[in-house]
Amino acid sequence: MDYIKNKKGNFIINIIAATKYSLYGLKRLWEEKAFRYEITSYIAVLFLFYLIGASYMHFIIITMLSFIVFAMESLNTAIEEIINHISPQWSKTAKNAKDLGSFAVFCTLMVNAIYILYVLTSTL
């Protein structure tokens, strides 16, 4: 029984620790201008969807797509942090890694843009 309580306690401690690390990641990501633009755009789209009378499902889908953008921006920032640490001078490999991370963010932004256009054209 003590083993189960101990495991449960560890589970809760791990959840708290993971949440704390995620909040530190969010704090770091907030320093990125691109992320602040993405958050602002997400809020603007929510307002636009409200104005045009979009369905609840549209709100749910754009929220999920936006969280994918936020996750991709987080990974892109992590790549840049690692590359800047490993290769502070310019290198072709570093440039390629950063460009690939940027392209991944661009792709998710395009998915969002296509969905927003779909909602606008189907709702109006």
C-alpha atoms as a PDB file:
ATOM      1  CA  MET A   1       0.000   0.000   0.000  1.00  0.00           C
ATOM      2  CA  ASP A   2       2.847   2.398   0.798  1.00  0.00           C
ATOM      3  CA  TYR A   3       4.281   1.624  -2.639  1.00  0.00           C
ATOM      4  CA  ILE A   4       1.018   2.725  -4.317  1.00  0.00           C
ATOM      5  CA  LYS A   5       0.857   5.925  -2.263  1.00  0.00           C
ATOM      6  CA  ASN A   6       4.500   6.627  -3.033  1.00  0.00           C
ATOM      7  CA  LYS A   7       3.930   6.069  -6.758  1.00  0.00           C
ATOM      8  CA  LYS A   8       0.850   8.293  -6.697  1.00  0.00           C
ATOM      9  CA  GLY A   9       2.817  11.002  -4.900  1.00  0.00           C
ATOM     10  CA  ASN A  10       5.561  10.756  -7.498  1.00  0.00           C
ATOM     11  CA  PHE A  11       2.982  11.037 -10.265  1.00  0.00           C
ATOM     12  CA  ILE A  12       1.607  14.264  -8.831  1.00  0.00           C
ATOM     13  CA  ILE A  13       5.102  15.628  -8.244  1.00  0.00           C
ATOM     14  CA  ASN A  14       6.001  14.770 -11.855  1.00  0.00           C
ATOM     15  CA  ILE A  15       2.885  16.534 -13.160  1.00  0.00           C
ATOM     16  CA  ILE A  16       3.740  19.628 -11.122  1.00  0.00           C
ATOM     17  CA  ALA A  17       7.351  19.566 -12.337  1.00  0.00           C
ATOM     18  CA  ALA A  18       6.295  19.088 -15.977  1.00  0.00           C
ATOM     19  CA  THR A  19       3.863  21.994 -15.687  1.00  0.00           C
ATOM     20  CA  LYS A  20       6.600  24.164 -14.204  1.00  0.00           C
ATOM     21  CA  TYR A  21       8.999  23.297 -17.054  1.00  0.00           C
ATOM     22  CA  SER A  22       6.285  24.033 -19.611  1.00  0.00           C
ATOM     23  CA  LEU A  23       5.641  27.432 -18.057  1.00  0.00           C
ATOM     24  CA  TYR A  24       9.378  28.178 -18.205  1.00  0.00           C
ATOM     25  CA  GLY A  25       9.244  27.214 -21.893  1.00  0.00           C
ATOM     26  CA  LEU A  26       6.290  29.537 -22.432  1.00  0.00           C
ATOM     27  CA  LYS A  27       8.163  32.341 -20.688  1.00  0.00           C
ATOM     28  CA  ARG A  28      11.150  31.785 -22.995  1.00  0.00           C
ATOM     29  CA  LEU A  29       8.940  31.544 -26.077  1.00  0.00           C
ATOM     30  CA  TRP A  30       7.234  34.828 -25.155  1.00  0.00           C
ATOM     31  CA  GLU A  31      10.588  36.523 -25.814  1.00  0.00           C
ATOM     32  CA  GLU A  32      10.198  35.610 -29.504  1.00  0.00           C
ATOM     33  CA  LYS A  33       8.488  38.323 -31.542  1.00  0.00           C
ATOM     34  CA  ALA A  34       7.122  35.711 -33.965  1.00  0.00           C
ATOM     35  CA  PHE A  35       5.316  33.918 -31.130  1.00  0.00           C
ATOM     36  CA  ARG A  36       3.766  37.158 -29.905  1.00  0.00           C
ATOM     37  CA  TYR A  37       2.534  37.823 -33.463  1.00  0.00           C
ATOM     38  CA  GLU A  38       1.100  34.303 -33.633  1.00  0.00           C
ATOM     39  CA  ILE A  39      -0.767  34.766 -30.341  1.00  0.00           C
ATOM     40  CA  THR A  40      -2.080  38.151 -31.493  1.00  0.00           C
ATOM     41  CA  SER A  41      -3.186  36.654 -34.816  1.00  0.00           C
ATOM     42  CA  TYR A  42      -4.943  33.796 -33.035  1.00  0.00           C
ATOM     43  CA  ILE A  43      -6.901  36.238 -30.861  1.00  0.00           C
ATOM     44  CA  ALA A  44      -7.768  38.337 -33.947  1.00  0.00           C
ATOM     45  CA  VAL A  45      -9.025  35.232 -35.776  1.00  0.00           C
ATOM     46  CA  LEU A  46     -11.163  34.242 -32.790  1.00  0.00           C
ATOM     47  CA  PHE A  47     -12.699  37.723 -32.856  1.00  0.00           C
ATOM     48  CA  LEU A  48     -13.219  37.504 -36.637  1.00  0.00           C
ATOM     49  CA  PHE A  49     -14.885  34.099 -36.290  1.00  0.00           C
ATOM     50  CA  TYR A  50     -17.159  35.560 -33.613  1.00  0.00           C
ATOM     51  CA  LEU A  51     -18.119  38.455 -35.894  1.00  0.00           C
ATOM     52  CA  ILE A  52     -19.008  36.202 -38.830  1.00  0.00           C
ATOM     53  CA  GLY A  53     -20.923  33.736 -36.653  1.00  0.00           C
ATOM     54  CA  ALA A  54     -18.607  30.773 -37.122  1.00  0.00           C
ATOM     55  CA  SER A  55     -19.675  27.507 -35.512  1.00  0.00           C
ATOM     56  CA  TYR A  56     -18.243  26.161 -32.287  1.00  0.00           C
ATOM     57  CA  MET A  57     -16.491  23.478 -34.329  1.00  0.00           C
ATOM     58  CA  HIS A  58     -14.688  26.190 -36.312  1.00  0.00           C
ATOM     59  CA  PHE A  59     -13.462  27.699 -33.029  1.00  0.00           C
ATOM     60  CA  ILE A  60     -12.279  24.314 -31.793  1.00  0.00           C
ATOM     61  CA  ILE A  61     -10.455  23.504 -35.028  1.00  0.00           C
ATOM     62  CA  ILE A  62      -8.704  26.883 -35.291  1.00  0.00           C
ATOM     63  CA  THR A  63      -7.663  26.547 -31.645  1.00  0.00           C
ATOM     64  CA  MET A  64      -6.148  23.117 -32.298  1.00  0.00           C
ATOM     65  CA  LEU A  65      -4.405  24.352 -35.452  1.00  0.00           C
ATOM     66  CA  SER A  66      -3.069  27.379 -33.590  1.00  0.00           C
ATOM     67  CA  PHE A  67      -1.675  25.183 -30.822  1.00  0.00           C
ATOM     68  CA  ILE A  68       0.137  23.200 -33.506  1.00  0.00           C
ATOM     69  CA  VAL A  69       1.657  26.492 -34.728  1.00  0.00           C
ATOM     70  CA  PHE A  70       2.682  27.328 -31.148  1.00  0.00           C
ATOM     71  CA  ALA A  71       4.260  23.888 -30.737  1.00  0.00           C
ATOM     72  CA  MET A  72       6.111  24.232 -34.029  1.00  0.00           C
ATOM     73  CA  GLU A  73       7.334  27.702 -33.038  1.00  0.00           C
ATOM     74  CA  SER A  74       8.574  26.201 -29.764  1.00  0.00           C
ATOM     75  CA  LEU A  75      10.508  23.507 -31.606  1.00  0.00           C
ATOM     76  CA  ASN A  76      11.905  26.064 -34.039  1.00  0.00           C
ATOM     77  CA  THR A  77      13.095  28.206 -31.133  1.00  0.00           C
ATOM     78  CA  ALA A  78      14.652  25.136 -29.488  1.00  0.00           C
ATOM     79  CA  ILE A  79      16.504  24.342 -32.720  1.00  0.00           C
ATOM     80  CA  GLU A  80      17.791  27.905 -32.906  1.00  0.00           C
ATOM     81  CA  GLU A  81      18.913  27.814 -29.263  1.00  0.00           C
ATOM     82  CA  ILE A  82      20.824  24.577 -29.791  1.00  0.00           C
ATOM     83  CA  ILE A  83      22.385  25.699 -33.078  1.00  0.00           C
ATOM     84  CA  ASN A  84      23.452  29.042 -31.584  1.00  0.00           C
ATOM     85  CA  HIS A  85      25.120  27.182 -28.716  1.00  0.00           C
ATOM     86  CA  ILE A  86      26.824  24.501 -30.821  1.00  0.00           C
ATOM     87  CA  SER A  87      27.789  26.664 -33.782  1.00  0.00           C
ATOM     88  CA  PRO A  88      28.031  30.346 -32.807  1.00  0.00           C
ATOM     89  CA  GLN A  89      29.822  31.172 -36.061  1.00  0.00           C
ATOM     90  CA  TRP A  90      28.042  30.986 -39.397  1.00  0.00           C
ATOM     91  CA  SER A  91      27.932  27.550 -40.966  1.00  0.00           C
ATOM     92  CA  LYS A  92      25.961  25.968 -43.779  1.00  0.00           C
ATOM     93  CA  THR A  93      24.670  23.253 -41.430  1.00  0.00           C
ATOM     94  CA  ALA A  94      23.454  25.812 -38.897  1.00  0.00           C
ATOM     95  CA  LYS A  95      21.764  27.827 -41.626  1.00  0.00           C
ATOM     96  CA  ASN A  96      20.069  24.707 -42.998  1.00  0.00           C
ATOM     97  CA  ALA A  97      18.798  23.682 -39.547  1.00  0.00           C
ATOM     98  CA  LYS A  98      17.370  27.134 -38.877  1.00  0.00           C
ATOM     99  CA  ASP A  99      15.822  27.372 -42.357  1.00  0.00           C
ATOM    100  CA  LEU A 100      14.185  23.953 -41.981  1.00  0.00           C
ATOM    101  CA  GLY A 101      12.720  24.966 -38.618  1.00  0.00           C
ATOM    102  CA  SER A 102      11.377  28.160 -40.154  1.00  0.00           C
ATOM    103  CA  PHE A 103       9.868  26.216 -43.044  1.00  0.00           C
ATOM    104  CA  ALA A 104       8.070  23.913 -40.598  1.00  0.00           C
ATOM    105  CA  VAL A 105       6.504  26.948 -38.894  1.00  0.00           C
ATOM    106  CA  PHE A 106       5.598  28.402 -42.305  1.00  0.00           C
ATOM    107  CA  CYS A 107       3.822  25.165 -43.286  1.00  0.00           C
ATOM    108  CA  THR A 108       1.667  25.192 -40.155  1.00  0.00           C
ATOM    109  CA  LEU A 109       0.860  28.868 -40.689  1.00  0.00           C
ATOM    110  CA  MET A 110      -0.263  28.047 -44.235  1.00  0.00           C
ATOM    111  CA  VAL A 111      -2.544  25.294 -42.923  1.00  0.00           C
ATOM    112  CA  ASN A 112      -4.109  27.872 -40.600  1.00  0.00           C
ATOM    113  CA  ALA A 113      -4.483  30.400 -43.426  1.00  0.00           C
ATOM    114  CA  ILE A 114      -6.167  27.827 -45.674  1.00  0.00           C
ATOM    115  CA  TYR A 115      -8.567  26.881 -42.890  1.00  0.00           C
ATOM    116  CA  ILE A 116      -9.378  30.523 -42.123  1.00  0.00           C
ATOM    117  CA  LEU A 117     -10.125  31.128 -45.819  1.00  0.00           C
ATOM    118  CA  TYR A 118     -12.324  28.036 -45.851  1.00  0.00           C
ATOM    119  CA  VAL A 119     -14.304  29.270 -42.828  1.00  0.00           C
ATOM    120  CA  LEU A 120     -14.659  32.758 -44.330  1.00  0.00           C
ATOM    121  CA  THR A 121     -15.846  31.485 -47.709  1.00  0.00           C
ATOM    122  CA  SER A 122     -18.217  28.886 -46.274  1.00  0.00           C
ATOM    123  CA  THR A 123     -19.696  31.184 -43.610  1.00  0.00           C
ATOM    124  CA  LEU A 124     -20.155  34.423 -45.528  1.00  0.00           C
END
